[in-house]
Amino acid sequence: MAEIVFINSFEVPEGRDEAFLALWTQIDSYMCGKPGFRWRRLHRSLDPAARLRYVNVAGWDSAQQFDAAHDGEFVRMQAQPEWSEFPAAPALYTVEQETVAQPGEAVPAAG
């Protein structure tokens, strides 16, 4: 089965990075120890005025393991009222296409 990719984009008002990262780190630390977790990357927009300033991308072995990781403790952490300040748009994906450049070579355009 193909790796599952979780992508979650967050609205984080300018100047609220520390508050967001404190909440996100709690959940991230918990999820990284769950069965099926492979990796994650948290991206921050270069544009401080971007609506979706942070994007979390994480790899999981399966949708079932991802779902199982969202247990009571996860629900408790996510239910903290402070999260209401940071609307999110989460979804699970599978890789449809992937292109990797070789050192010194240009990547051909999809066609």
Protein backbone atom coordinates (compact mmCIF):
# COMPACT_ATOMS: atom_id res chain seq x y z
CA MET A 1 0.00 0.00 0.00
CA ALA A 2 1.18 3.51 -0.82
CA GLU A 3 2.23 5.87 1.90
CA ILE A 4 -0.49 8.21 3.13
CA VAL A 5 0.26 11.93 3.34
CA PHE A 6 -1.55 14.17 5.80
CA ILE A 7 -1.64 17.86 4.86
CA ASN A 8 -3.03 20.47 7.24
CA SER A 9 -2.94 24.19 6.46
CA PHE A 10 -3.36 26.70 9.27
CA GLU A 11 -4.47 30.31 9.43
CA VAL A 12 -2.05 31.97 11.86
CA PRO A 13 -2.38 35.72 12.27
CA GLU A 14 0.81 37.71 11.99
CA GLY A 15 2.43 38.00 15.41
CA ARG A 16 0.76 34.82 16.78
CA ASP A 17 3.46 32.37 15.69
CA GLU A 18 4.66 31.55 19.22
CA ALA A 19 1.15 30.74 20.47
CA PHE A 20 0.45 28.55 17.43
CA LEU A 21 3.78 26.73 17.63
CA ALA A 22 3.30 25.99 21.33
CA LEU A 23 -0.03 24.28 20.61
CA TRP A 24 1.23 22.56 17.46
CA THR A 25 4.32 21.21 19.25
CA GLN A 26 2.14 19.52 21.90
CA ILE A 27 0.22 17.56 19.28
CA ASP A 28 3.25 16.97 17.07
CA SER A 29 5.25 15.45 19.93
CA TYR A 30 2.35 13.13 20.72
CA MET A 31 1.70 12.06 17.12
CA CYS A 32 5.38 11.38 16.31
CA GLY A 33 5.30 8.45 18.75
CA LYS A 34 2.24 6.78 17.25
CA PRO A 35 2.41 3.52 15.25
CA GLY A 36 2.49 4.20 11.53
CA PHE A 37 4.00 7.68 11.79
CA ARG A 38 6.91 8.09 9.33
CA TRP A 39 7.92 11.75 9.05
CA ARG A 40 6.64 15.32 9.12
CA ARG A 41 7.57 18.75 7.86
CA LEU A 42 6.10 22.02 9.08
CA HIS A 43 6.30 24.75 6.45
CA ARG A 44 5.98 28.50 7.09
CA SER A 45 5.04 30.93 4.35
CA LEU A 46 7.66 33.44 3.28
CA ASP A 47 4.83 35.97 3.01
CA PRO A 48 3.78 37.11 6.52
CA ALA A 49 0.45 38.29 5.05
CA ALA A 50 -0.43 34.88 3.56
CA ARG A 51 -3.79 33.52 4.75
CA LEU A 52 -2.44 29.99 5.26
CA ARG A 53 0.87 30.77 6.94
CA TYR A 54 1.71 27.27 8.18
CA VAL A 55 1.33 23.94 6.40
CA ASN A 56 1.99 20.65 8.18
CA VAL A 57 2.82 17.69 5.91
CA ALA A 58 3.24 14.25 7.48
CA GLY A 59 3.74 10.73 6.14
CA TRP A 60 1.87 7.75 7.60
CA ASP A 61 1.97 4.04 6.79
CA SER A 62 -1.81 3.82 6.40
CA ALA A 63 -5.06 5.71 6.82
CA GLN A 64 -6.06 3.19 9.49
CA GLN A 65 -2.98 3.96 11.60
CA PHE A 66 -3.53 7.68 11.10
CA ASP A 67 -7.14 7.33 12.28
CA ALA A 68 -6.12 5.18 15.27
CA ALA A 69 -3.62 7.85 16.36
CA HIS A 70 -6.49 10.29 16.86
CA ASP A 71 -7.43 8.81 20.23
CA GLY A 72 -8.83 10.39 23.38
CA GLU A 73 -5.58 12.14 24.30
CA PHE A 74 -5.36 13.69 20.83
CA VAL A 75 -8.98 14.85 21.06
CA ARG A 76 -8.27 16.40 24.48
CA MET A 77 -5.27 18.34 23.12
CA GLN A 78 -7.13 19.49 20.02
CA ALA A 79 -10.12 20.63 22.12
CA GLN A 80 -8.08 23.31 23.88
CA PRO A 81 -9.96 26.58 23.36
CA GLU A 82 -6.78 28.30 22.12
CA TRP A 83 -6.99 26.27 18.88
CA SER A 84 -10.08 28.27 17.83
CA GLU A 85 -7.75 31.14 16.93
CA PHE A 86 -6.03 28.99 14.28
CA PRO A 87 -8.53 27.58 11.73
CA ALA A 88 -7.22 24.54 9.87
CA ALA A 89 -7.97 22.63 6.67
CA PRO A 90 -6.82 19.00 7.20
CA ALA A 91 -7.02 16.13 4.67
CA LEU A 92 -5.36 12.79 3.85
CA TYR A 93 -3.75 12.26 0.45
CA THR A 94 -1.87 9.67 -1.53
CA VAL A 95 0.92 10.60 -3.95
CA GLU A 96 -0.42 10.82 -7.49
CA GLN A 97 2.84 11.77 -9.22
CA GLU A 98 6.39 12.44 -8.11
CA THR A 99 9.34 13.92 -10.00
CA VAL A 100 12.84 14.09 -8.57
CA ALA A 101 15.66 16.04 -10.22
CA GLN A 102 19.00 14.34 -10.60
CA PRO A 103 22.05 16.39 -9.61
CA GLY A 104 22.98 18.72 -12.46
CA GLU A 105 19.90 17.88 -14.55
CA ALA A 106 16.81 19.95 -15.27
CA VAL A 107 13.47 18.38 -14.48
CA PRO A 108 11.39 17.90 -17.64
CA ALA A 109 8.00 19.59 -17.72
CA ALA A 110 5.00 17.30 -17.19
CA GLY A 111 3.22 16.63 -20.39
